[in-house]
Amino acid sequence: MKALARGILDCEWLLLGAMAAIIWAGDFNRVWVLAFWLPLLGARWLVEGRLWQRTPLDLWFALWFALGFMSLIAAPFRYALIPLGGSLFLLPAAYTLIALGRPLLGLVLVTSFASMAGRARRVSGLLVASAGLALLIGILGLLSAQYTIKSLVLRPIIDLLPQLRGFPGAEGGFNVNEIAGAMAWFAPLMAGLGIYYWRERRTETGRAARALRVLTPLAFVLLAAALFLGQSRFAIAGVLPALAALVWLLLRGRWRWAGLALIGLFAILQGLVYFAPASPATQAEQLSRSNEISSSSRLEMWSSGLAILRDFPLTGAGVNMYRAAPVRSRYPVPSYANGILPHAHNEWLQAATDLGLPGLIVFLGFQITAGWMLWRIWRRGGPRERAVAAAIAAGLLAHMIYGLGDAITLWDRFAFGYWWLIGLAAAQYALVYPRALPSPTPEQGLS
């Protein structure tokens, strides 16, 4: 049995990839794929004597799912039962349970990353996988974004790019602000890892280090270019200070000042694009009107979210119900009277509208606990661990600033990016503060 269990753990990346790819899809039957987690749990129990490597995040996961199940019972707004299954049978399920599938994928990623790091005694394999994922997001952000009028000044450059359409789940391309939220997580992460592995190129000589020296700069350049061309201003406003913090922490001397100068140059270019007059005059008028509508719409969205919270402080409207027609009718946002409004354009307010003040507290609990874990890694870890912690923290910080005026809710498809970074933090924490780690297996991870 143990041999079979080790074989299952050897296929952990394959199972995680299958779960992530299917949970990404819009089909509600996606929840069935989470059953792949069960053999992983059983295999860990046989090989490691536990279901997963425990971290301080476990409590917040338990509270988050408890609130989700409470919402199933007590939320004022709910969808009808949704039939699931194939051609042989149909099983009705509550929408709330289906929506909880994506946060459950988050739990799977976090626990799997911590356990994989514990078995391998390193996070290098996870970092290489992160660079590969960032590279994919950068390509999609650059070639599959639905560029808006905000990018009008940059249109001559955009028109030179090939158009990549048909990506599963986003056949017509990605909303530029949505994918920018994902890029805000990964651009600082790639910058931090790239700085460290190039700075330590004489001491970090393994296969993973060599791969990271190639992949991280390439991924960062793609992500930075996509952010600049897409002009998601809240994402850019988050990434720039996060990059400055990384440069200050990880570089010294003239390299530090050179890095800060490059960031300053990027900020100047962004300012020039923002204030550059569009041509002809009708386009300038359209751009000005778009900026005004964007600002007024956010005020209306926040007002709508606060009204929901005022009426239902303990439960919110229900899991992912801000977008539902009955909620939109009762708490209107006039600017989106004829369109789909997916969220409140503020991640903290969104957590409160979904699950009430208890949901906001738990959401903040995730953020604070992750920050505390990264701070402890920074204080106790060596140079590599400190660089990894700083890179993860910068990604979380950049997205946190983005989340002040936009949102990727924990029920959305790109939410896996949040759990990915939290999982990296849990993996590094498990190594710096081990709890009876299992015997290392040489085939796990990359050296």
Protein backbone atom coordinates (compact mmCIF):
# COMPACT_ATOMS: atom_id res chain seq x y z
CA MET A 1 0.00 0.00 0.00
CA LYS A 2 2.80 2.40 0.81
CA ALA A 3 4.33 1.82 -2.63
CA LEU A 4 0.98 2.71 -4.22
CA ALA A 5 0.69 5.77 -1.96
CA ARG A 6 4.16 6.97 -2.97
CA GLY A 7 3.19 6.49 -6.60
CA ILE A 8 0.13 8.69 -6.09
CA LEU A 9 2.27 11.37 -4.46
CA ASP A 10 4.67 11.19 -7.41
CA CYS A 11 1.67 12.15 -9.58
CA GLU A 12 0.63 15.04 -7.31
CA TRP A 13 1.47 17.73 -9.85
CA LEU A 14 -0.59 15.93 -12.48
CA LEU A 15 -3.61 15.71 -10.16
CA LEU A 16 -3.24 19.35 -9.08
CA GLY A 17 -3.00 20.45 -12.70
CA ALA A 18 -6.14 18.53 -13.63
CA MET A 19 -8.06 20.01 -10.70
CA ALA A 20 -6.91 23.56 -11.43
CA ALA A 21 -7.67 23.31 -15.17
CA ILE A 22 -11.18 21.94 -14.65
CA ILE A 23 -12.08 24.24 -11.73
CA TRP A 24 -11.10 27.13 -14.04
CA ALA A 25 -13.95 26.16 -16.39
CA GLY A 26 -17.41 27.69 -16.24
CA ASP A 27 -19.24 24.35 -16.22
CA PHE A 28 -20.75 23.77 -12.77
CA ASN A 29 -19.90 20.05 -13.03
CA ARG A 30 -16.30 21.13 -12.38
CA VAL A 31 -16.78 20.48 -8.65
CA TRP A 32 -16.55 16.73 -9.21
CA VAL A 33 -12.85 16.98 -10.04
CA LEU A 34 -12.08 17.91 -6.43
CA ALA A 35 -12.58 14.23 -5.65
CA PHE A 36 -9.01 13.83 -6.94
CA TRP A 37 -7.97 15.30 -3.59
CA LEU A 38 -9.13 12.20 -1.72
CA PRO A 39 -6.43 9.82 -3.01
CA LEU A 40 -3.83 12.51 -2.24
CA LEU A 41 -5.06 12.74 1.34
CA GLY A 42 -5.04 8.96 1.70
CA ALA A 43 -1.55 8.71 0.22
CA ARG A 44 -0.22 11.35 2.59
CA TRP A 45 -1.76 9.55 5.54
CA LEU A 46 -0.01 6.32 4.58
CA VAL A 47 3.36 7.89 3.73
CA GLU A 48 3.56 10.81 6.19
CA GLY A 49 1.12 9.76 8.90
CA ARG A 50 -1.02 12.91 8.43
CA LEU A 51 -3.40 14.42 5.92
CA TRP A 52 -1.32 17.55 5.34
CA GLN A 53 1.47 19.71 6.72
CA ARG A 54 -0.21 21.99 9.23
CA THR A 55 0.21 25.76 9.03
CA PRO A 56 -1.32 28.76 10.87
CA LEU A 57 -3.71 29.17 7.92
CA ASP A 58 -5.71 26.04 8.83
CA LEU A 59 -7.96 27.90 11.28
CA TRP A 60 -8.95 30.52 8.71
CA PHE A 61 -9.77 27.89 6.12
CA ALA A 62 -12.02 26.14 8.63
CA LEU A 63 -13.80 29.40 9.48
CA TRP A 64 -14.17 30.37 5.81
CA PHE A 65 -15.90 27.10 4.91
CA ALA A 66 -18.02 27.25 8.06
CA LEU A 67 -19.25 30.68 6.95
CA GLY A 68 -19.90 29.30 3.48
CA PHE A 69 -22.11 26.52 4.84
CA MET A 70 -23.88 28.99 7.12
CA SER A 71 -24.56 31.14 4.06
CA LEU A 72 -26.21 28.13 2.47
CA ILE A 73 -28.75 28.19 5.29
CA ALA A 74 -29.09 31.82 6.33
CA ALA A 75 -28.17 34.05 3.37
CA PRO A 76 -31.05 36.26 2.20
CA PHE A 77 -30.33 35.67 -1.51
CA ARG A 78 -29.70 32.26 -3.06
CA TYR A 79 -29.90 30.63 -6.46
CA ALA A 80 -32.14 27.64 -7.02
CA LEU A 81 -30.73 24.13 -6.94
CA ILE A 82 -28.54 23.37 -9.95
CA PRO A 83 -28.57 19.86 -11.50
CA LEU A 84 -25.15 18.23 -11.69
CA GLY A 85 -24.02 15.01 -13.25
CA GLY A 86 -23.75 13.26 -16.58
CA SER A 87 -26.15 11.39 -18.77
CA LEU A 88 -26.76 8.58 -16.27
CA PHE A 89 -28.02 10.61 -13.33
CA LEU A 90 -28.64 14.13 -12.12
CA LEU A 91 -27.77 15.39 -8.65
CA PRO A 92 -29.17 18.79 -7.63
CA ALA A 93 -26.73 20.94 -5.66
CA ALA A 94 -26.95 24.39 -4.12
CA TYR A 95 -25.03 27.09 -5.97
CA THR A 96 -23.25 27.99 -2.73
CA LEU A 97 -21.68 24.52 -2.58
CA ILE A 98 -20.56 24.84 -6.20
CA ALA A 99 -19.08 28.30 -5.57
CA LEU A 100 -17.16 26.93 -2.59
CA GLY A 101 -15.31 24.69 -5.03
CA ARG A 102 -12.80 27.37 -5.96
CA PRO A 103 -11.83 28.22 -2.35
CA LEU A 104 -11.62 24.47 -1.79
CA LEU A 105 -9.11 24.33 -4.64
CA GLY A 106 -7.23 26.98 -2.67
CA LEU A 107 -7.12 24.68 0.35
CA VAL A 108 -5.89 21.86 -1.90
CA LEU A 109 -3.10 24.03 -3.34
CA VAL A 110 -1.95 25.41 0.00
CA THR A 111 -1.85 22.04 1.75
CA SER A 112 -0.27 20.31 -1.24
CA PHE A 113 2.46 22.94 -1.60
CA ALA A 114 3.32 22.70 2.10
CA SER A 115 3.41 18.89 1.97
CA MET A 116 5.47 18.78 -1.24
CA ALA A 117 8.00 21.20 0.23
CA GLY A 118 8.15 19.11 3.40
CA ARG A 119 8.88 15.90 1.50
CA ALA A 120 11.43 17.49 -0.84
CA ARG A 121 13.01 19.73 1.84
CA ARG A 122 13.03 22.60 -0.67
CA VAL A 123 10.69 24.91 -2.58
CA SER A 124 12.74 25.17 -5.78
CA GLY A 125 10.37 22.93 -7.74
CA LEU A 126 7.43 25.09 -6.69
CA LEU A 127 9.31 28.23 -7.73
CA VAL A 128 10.04 26.84 -11.19
CA ALA A 129 6.36 25.91 -11.57
CA SER A 130 5.46 29.45 -10.45
CA ALA A 131 7.71 30.92 -13.11
CA GLY A 132 6.10 28.74 -15.76
CA LEU A 133 2.63 29.83 -14.65
CA ALA A 134 3.69 33.49 -14.61
CA LEU A 135 5.04 33.10 -18.14
CA LEU A 136 1.66 31.78 -19.29
CA ILE A 137 -0.22 34.61 -17.59
CA GLY A 138 2.15 37.15 -19.13
CA ILE A 139 1.57 35.75 -22.62
CA LEU A 140 -2.20 35.77 -22.13
CA GLY A 141 -2.11 39.26 -20.63
CA LEU A 142 -0.15 40.56 -23.59
CA LEU A 143 -1.86 38.75 -26.46
CA SER A 144 -5.36 37.90 -25.18
CA ALA A 145 -6.41 41.08 -23.38
CA GLN A 146 -9.46 43.00 -24.53
CA TYR A 147 -7.71 46.37 -24.73
CA THR A 148 -9.94 49.34 -23.90
CA ILE A 149 -9.97 53.04 -24.68
CA LYS A 150 -7.54 53.57 -21.78
CA SER A 151 -4.86 52.08 -24.03
CA LEU A 152 -5.71 54.36 -26.94
CA VAL A 153 -2.34 56.17 -26.94
CA LEU A 154 -0.58 52.79 -27.08
CA ARG A 155 -2.70 51.43 -29.92
CA PRO A 156 0.12 51.61 -32.53
CA ILE A 157 2.12 49.17 -30.38
CA ILE A 158 -0.87 46.96 -29.57
CA ASP A 159 -1.74 46.67 -33.27
CA LEU A 160 1.66 45.08 -33.91
CA LEU A 161 0.94 42.22 -31.50
CA PRO A 162 -0.58 38.96 -32.68
CA GLN A 163 -4.03 38.22 -31.28
CA LEU A 164 -4.35 35.05 -29.23
CA ARG A 165 -7.97 33.95 -28.91
CA GLY A 166 -9.67 30.70 -28.07
CA PHE A 167 -8.09 30.09 -24.65
CA PRO A 168 -10.45 27.72 -22.78
CA GLY A 169 -12.82 29.71 -20.61
CA ALA A 170 -11.92 33.00 -22.32
CA GLU A 171 -12.43 32.34 -26.00
CA GLY A 172 -13.03 36.02 -26.75
CA GLY A 173 -10.11 37.26 -24.66
CA PHE A 174 -9.69 38.48 -21.11
CA ASN A 175 -11.08 41.58 -19.47
CA VAL A 176 -7.97 43.72 -19.15
CA ASN A 177 -8.64 44.64 -15.51
CA GLU A 178 -9.36 41.05 -14.51
CA ILE A 179 -6.14 39.57 -15.86
CA ALA A 180 -4.22 42.59 -14.55
CA GLY A 181 -5.26 41.52 -11.05
CA ALA A 182 -3.60 38.15 -11.66
CA MET A 183 -0.50 39.83 -13.10
CA ALA A 184 -0.28 42.02 -9.98
CA TRP A 185 0.36 38.86 -7.95
CA PHE A 186 3.01 37.41 -10.24
CA ALA A 187 4.98 40.40 -11.57
CA PRO A 188 6.53 41.27 -8.18
CA LEU A 189 7.01 37.58 -7.41
CA MET A 190 9.03 37.13 -10.60
CA ALA A 191 10.99 40.33 -9.94
CA GLY A 192 11.96 39.23 -6.44
CA LEU A 193 12.99 35.73 -7.48
CA GLY A 194 14.85 37.06 -10.51
CA ILE A 195 16.81 39.56 -8.43
CA TYR A 196 17.88 36.90 -5.94
CA TYR A 197 18.85 34.17 -8.41
CA TRP A 198 20.85 36.58 -10.57
CA ARG A 199 22.45 38.18 -7.52
CA GLU A 200 23.49 34.73 -6.19
CA ARG A 201 24.33 33.15 -9.54
CA ARG A 202 27.75 32.03 -8.24
CA THR A 203 26.29 30.13 -5.29
CA GLU A 204 22.88 29.02 -6.67
CA THR A 205 24.05 26.58 -9.33
CA GLY A 206 21.43 23.81 -9.39
CA ARG A 207 19.06 23.01 -12.25
CA ALA A 208 16.21 24.93 -10.64
CA ALA A 209 18.41 27.99 -10.11
CA ARG A 210 19.51 27.94 -13.74
CA ALA A 211 15.92 27.61 -14.90
CA LEU A 212 14.80 30.46 -12.65
CA ARG A 213 17.54 32.77 -13.96
CA VAL A 214 16.04 32.35 -17.44
CA LEU A 215 12.31 32.11 -16.70
CA THR A 216 11.83 34.83 -14.08
CA PRO A 217 13.25 37.79 -16.09
CA LEU A 218 11.35 36.66 -19.19
CA ALA A 219 8.09 36.29 -17.27
CA PHE A 220 8.57 39.64 -15.56
CA VAL A 221 9.19 41.47 -18.84
CA LEU A 222 6.04 39.97 -20.37
CA LEU A 223 3.97 40.81 -17.28
CA ALA A 224 5.31 44.37 -17.07
CA ALA A 225 4.67 44.96 -20.78
CA ALA A 226 1.14 43.56 -20.50
CA LEU A 227 0.39 45.74 -17.48
CA PHE A 228 1.68 48.84 -19.25
CA LEU A 229 -0.25 48.20 -22.46
CA GLY A 230 -3.42 47.19 -20.62
CA GLN A 231 -3.43 50.32 -18.45
CA SER A 232 -5.17 48.77 -15.46
CA ARG A 233 -4.29 51.67 -13.21
CA PHE A 234 -5.03 50.05 -9.87
CA ALA A 235 -2.82 47.10 -10.82
CA ILE A 236 0.02 49.41 -11.91
CA ALA A 237 -0.44 51.49 -8.73
CA GLY A 238 0.04 48.29 -6.74
CA VAL A 239 2.97 46.83 -8.66
CA LEU A 240 5.20 49.93 -8.67
CA PRO A 241 5.54 50.37 -4.86
CA ALA A 242 5.86 46.60 -4.46
CA LEU A 243 8.78 46.59 -6.91
CA ALA A 244 10.38 49.55 -5.15
CA ALA A 245 10.18 47.70 -1.82
CA LEU A 246 11.78 44.62 -3.39
CA VAL A 247 14.63 46.62 -4.90
CA TRP A 248 15.27 48.33 -1.57
CA LEU A 249 15.29 45.04 0.36
CA LEU A 250 17.18 42.79 -2.05
CA LEU A 251 19.73 45.08 -3.73
CA ARG A 252 22.57 47.22 -2.45
CA GLY A 253 24.71 50.10 -3.67
CA ARG A 254 24.48 51.22 -7.25
CA TRP A 255 22.22 48.30 -8.20
CA ARG A 256 19.61 49.52 -5.71
CA TRP A 257 19.66 53.03 -7.16
CA ALA A 258 19.62 51.71 -10.72
CA GLY A 259 16.59 49.58 -9.90
CA LEU A 260 14.76 52.48 -8.29
CA ALA A 261 15.61 54.65 -11.30
CA LEU A 262 14.07 52.08 -13.66
CA ILE A 263 10.91 51.98 -11.56
CA GLY A 264 10.82 55.77 -11.58
CA LEU A 265 11.20 55.77 -15.37
CA PHE A 266 8.28 53.33 -15.67
CA ALA A 267 6.20 55.62 -13.44
CA ILE A 268 7.07 58.62 -15.61
CA LEU A 269 6.07 56.73 -18.77
CA GLN A 270 2.82 55.76 -17.09
CA GLY A 271 2.16 59.39 -16.23
CA LEU A 272 2.86 60.44 -19.80
CA VAL A 273 0.41 57.86 -21.12
CA TYR A 274 -2.24 58.85 -18.59
CA PHE A 275 -2.03 62.56 -19.34
CA ALA A 276 -1.16 62.35 -23.05
CA PRO A 277 -3.81 63.99 -25.22
CA ALA A 278 -5.56 61.54 -27.49
CA SER A 279 -6.01 62.28 -31.17
CA PRO A 280 -8.33 63.16 -32.74
CA ALA A 281 -10.36 65.36 -30.41
CA THR A 282 -13.35 63.00 -30.40
CA GLN A 283 -11.14 60.23 -29.01
CA ALA A 284 -9.81 62.54 -26.30
CA GLU A 285 -13.39 63.32 -25.34
CA GLN A 286 -14.23 59.61 -25.21
CA LEU A 287 -11.22 58.91 -23.01
CA SER A 288 -12.10 61.75 -20.62
CA ARG A 289 -15.67 60.53 -20.41
CA SER A 290 -14.48 56.96 -19.79
CA ASN A 291 -12.33 58.14 -16.86
CA GLU A 292 -15.25 60.06 -15.37
CA ILE A 293 -17.61 57.11 -15.73
CA SER A 294 -15.06 54.77 -14.18
CA SER A 295 -14.69 56.98 -11.10
CA SER A 296 -18.43 57.59 -10.62
CA SER A 297 -19.25 53.93 -11.21
CA ARG A 298 -16.91 52.80 -8.44
CA LEU A 299 -18.58 55.17 -6.00
CA GLU A 300 -21.95 53.69 -6.96
CA MET A 301 -20.63 50.13 -6.59
CA TRP A 302 -19.16 50.83 -3.17
CA SER A 303 -22.39 52.52 -2.09
CA SER A 304 -24.34 49.47 -3.24
CA GLY A 305 -22.00 47.13 -1.33
CA LEU A 306 -22.22 49.21 1.83
CA ALA A 307 -26.02 49.20 1.58
CA ILE A 308 -25.98 45.38 1.42
CA LEU A 309 -23.70 45.23 4.44
CA ARG A 310 -25.88 47.68 6.36
CA ASP A 311 -28.98 45.55 5.75
CA PHE A 312 -27.33 42.15 6.29
CA PRO A 313 -24.26 42.67 8.52
CA LEU A 314 -24.07 39.06 9.74
CA THR A 315 -24.60 37.16 6.49
CA GLY A 316 -24.08 39.56 3.60
CA ALA A 317 -26.15 38.94 0.47
CA GLY A 318 -24.81 35.39 0.09
CA VAL A 319 -21.91 33.67 -1.59
CA ASN A 320 -21.12 35.42 -4.89
CA MET A 321 -24.58 37.03 -4.93
CA TYR A 322 -23.51 40.65 -5.49
CA ARG A 323 -23.94 40.01 -9.23
CA ALA A 324 -27.31 38.27 -8.95
CA ALA A 325 -30.31 39.97 -10.58
CA PRO A 326 -32.40 40.23 -7.37
CA VAL A 327 -29.49 41.92 -5.57
CA ARG A 328 -28.82 44.26 -8.49
CA SER A 329 -32.49 45.18 -8.58
CA ARG A 330 -32.64 45.95 -4.86
CA TYR A 331 -29.25 47.68 -4.70
CA PRO A 332 -28.88 49.24 -8.14
CA VAL A 333 -25.76 50.68 -9.72
CA PRO A 334 -27.15 52.99 -12.42
CA SER A 335 -23.96 52.94 -14.49
CA TYR A 336 -24.36 49.17 -14.90
CA ALA A 337 -28.11 49.09 -15.38
CA ASN A 338 -27.70 47.25 -18.69
CA GLY A 339 -24.59 45.22 -17.94
CA ILE A 340 -23.31 42.42 -15.72
CA LEU A 341 -21.68 43.71 -12.55
CA PRO A 342 -19.55 40.84 -11.21
CA HIS A 343 -18.29 42.38 -7.97
CA ALA A 344 -18.07 45.48 -5.80
CA HIS A 345 -14.66 46.60 -7.14
CA ASN A 346 -13.11 46.39 -3.67
CA GLU A 347 -11.99 43.03 -2.35
CA TRP A 348 -12.61 43.76 1.33
CA LEU A 349 -16.06 45.16 0.67
CA GLN A 350 -16.74 42.17 -1.60
CA ALA A 351 -15.89 39.73 1.20
CA ALA A 352 -18.33 41.59 3.44
CA THR A 353 -21.13 41.63 0.85
CA ASP A 354 -20.63 37.88 0.30
CA LEU A 355 -20.39 36.71 3.92
CA GLY A 356 -21.08 39.73 6.12
CA LEU A 357 -18.75 41.18 8.72
CA PRO A 358 -17.65 37.67 9.81
CA GLY A 359 -16.50 37.07 6.21
CA LEU A 360 -14.56 40.32 6.22
CA ILE A 361 -12.86 39.32 9.49
CA VAL A 362 -11.87 35.91 8.09
CA PHE A 363 -10.62 37.47 4.84
CA LEU A 364 -8.47 39.87 6.86
CA GLY A 365 -7.38 36.89 8.95
CA PHE A 366 -5.94 35.23 5.84
CA GLN A 367 -4.06 38.40 4.93
CA ILE A 368 -2.69 39.09 8.39
CA THR A 369 -1.68 35.47 9.02
CA ALA A 370 0.09 35.20 5.67
CA GLY A 371 1.93 38.45 6.39
CA TRP A 372 2.91 37.19 9.85
CA MET A 373 4.23 33.93 8.37
CA LEU A 374 6.30 35.80 5.81
CA TRP A 375 7.67 38.11 8.50
CA ARG A 376 8.74 35.11 10.58
CA ILE A 377 10.43 33.57 7.54
CA TRP A 378 12.25 36.85 6.93
CA ARG A 379 13.51 36.97 10.52
CA ARG A 380 14.62 33.36 10.79
CA GLY A 381 15.47 32.27 7.24
CA GLY A 382 18.68 32.51 5.28
CA PRO A 383 19.24 34.71 2.20
CA ARG A 384 17.23 32.43 -0.11
CA GLU A 385 14.30 32.13 2.29
CA ARG A 386 14.27 35.87 2.92
CA ALA A 387 14.23 36.59 -0.82
CA VAL A 388 11.36 34.15 -1.39
CA ALA A 389 9.41 35.68 1.49
CA ALA A 390 10.00 39.21 0.17
CA ALA A 391 8.92 38.22 -3.36
CA ILE A 392 5.70 36.60 -2.10
CA ALA A 393 4.96 39.55 0.18
CA ALA A 394 5.48 41.98 -2.70
CA GLY A 395 3.02 40.07 -4.87
CA LEU A 396 0.41 40.05 -2.11
CA LEU A 397 1.01 43.76 -1.44
CA ALA A 398 0.66 44.71 -5.11
CA HIS A 399 -2.61 42.85 -5.42
CA MET A 400 -3.84 44.28 -2.12
CA ILE A 401 -3.47 47.79 -3.54
CA TYR A 402 -5.17 46.66 -6.76
CA GLY A 403 -7.99 45.28 -4.59
CA LEU A 404 -8.79 48.76 -3.27
CA GLY A 405 -10.43 49.70 -6.56
CA ASP A 406 -10.97 46.41 -8.37
CA ALA A 407 -11.40 42.78 -7.37
CA ILE A 408 -10.77 39.15 -8.07
CA THR A 409 -13.16 37.53 -5.63
CA LEU A 410 -12.34 34.19 -4.03
CA TRP A 411 -15.13 32.64 -6.11
CA ASP A 412 -13.63 33.79 -9.43
CA ARG A 413 -11.46 31.81 -11.84
CA PHE A 414 -8.26 33.83 -11.29
CA ALA A 415 -8.53 33.41 -7.50
CA PHE A 416 -6.11 30.49 -7.81
CA GLY A 417 -3.36 33.11 -8.12
CA TYR A 418 -4.01 34.22 -4.54
CA TRP A 419 -3.96 30.68 -3.24
CA TRP A 420 -0.83 29.94 -5.26
CA LEU A 421 1.09 32.70 -3.47
CA ILE A 422 -0.39 31.72 -0.11
CA GLY A 423 0.67 28.14 -0.87
CA LEU A 424 4.23 29.26 -1.58
CA ALA A 425 4.23 31.08 1.75
CA ALA A 426 2.96 27.96 3.52
CA ALA A 427 5.59 25.80 1.79
CA GLN A 428 8.46 28.08 2.79
CA TYR A 429 7.06 28.42 6.31
CA ALA A 430 6.90 24.62 6.65
CA LEU A 431 10.63 24.44 5.94
CA VAL A 432 11.72 27.30 8.17
CA TYR A 433 9.42 26.17 11.01
CA PRO A 434 9.21 22.40 10.48
CA ARG A 435 6.80 20.12 12.34
CA ALA A 436 8.27 16.63 12.16
CA LEU A 437 8.86 16.71 8.42
CA PRO A 438 8.77 13.34 6.66
CA SER A 439 11.89 11.71 5.31
CA PRO A 440 13.01 13.47 2.12
CA THR A 441 12.58 11.71 -1.19
CA PRO A 442 15.18 12.60 -3.84
CA GLU A 443 12.69 12.44 -6.69
CA GLN A 444 10.52 15.25 -5.24
CA GLY A 445 11.14 18.75 -6.63
CA LEU A 446 14.24 20.06 -8.41
CA SER A 447 17.68 20.55 -6.94
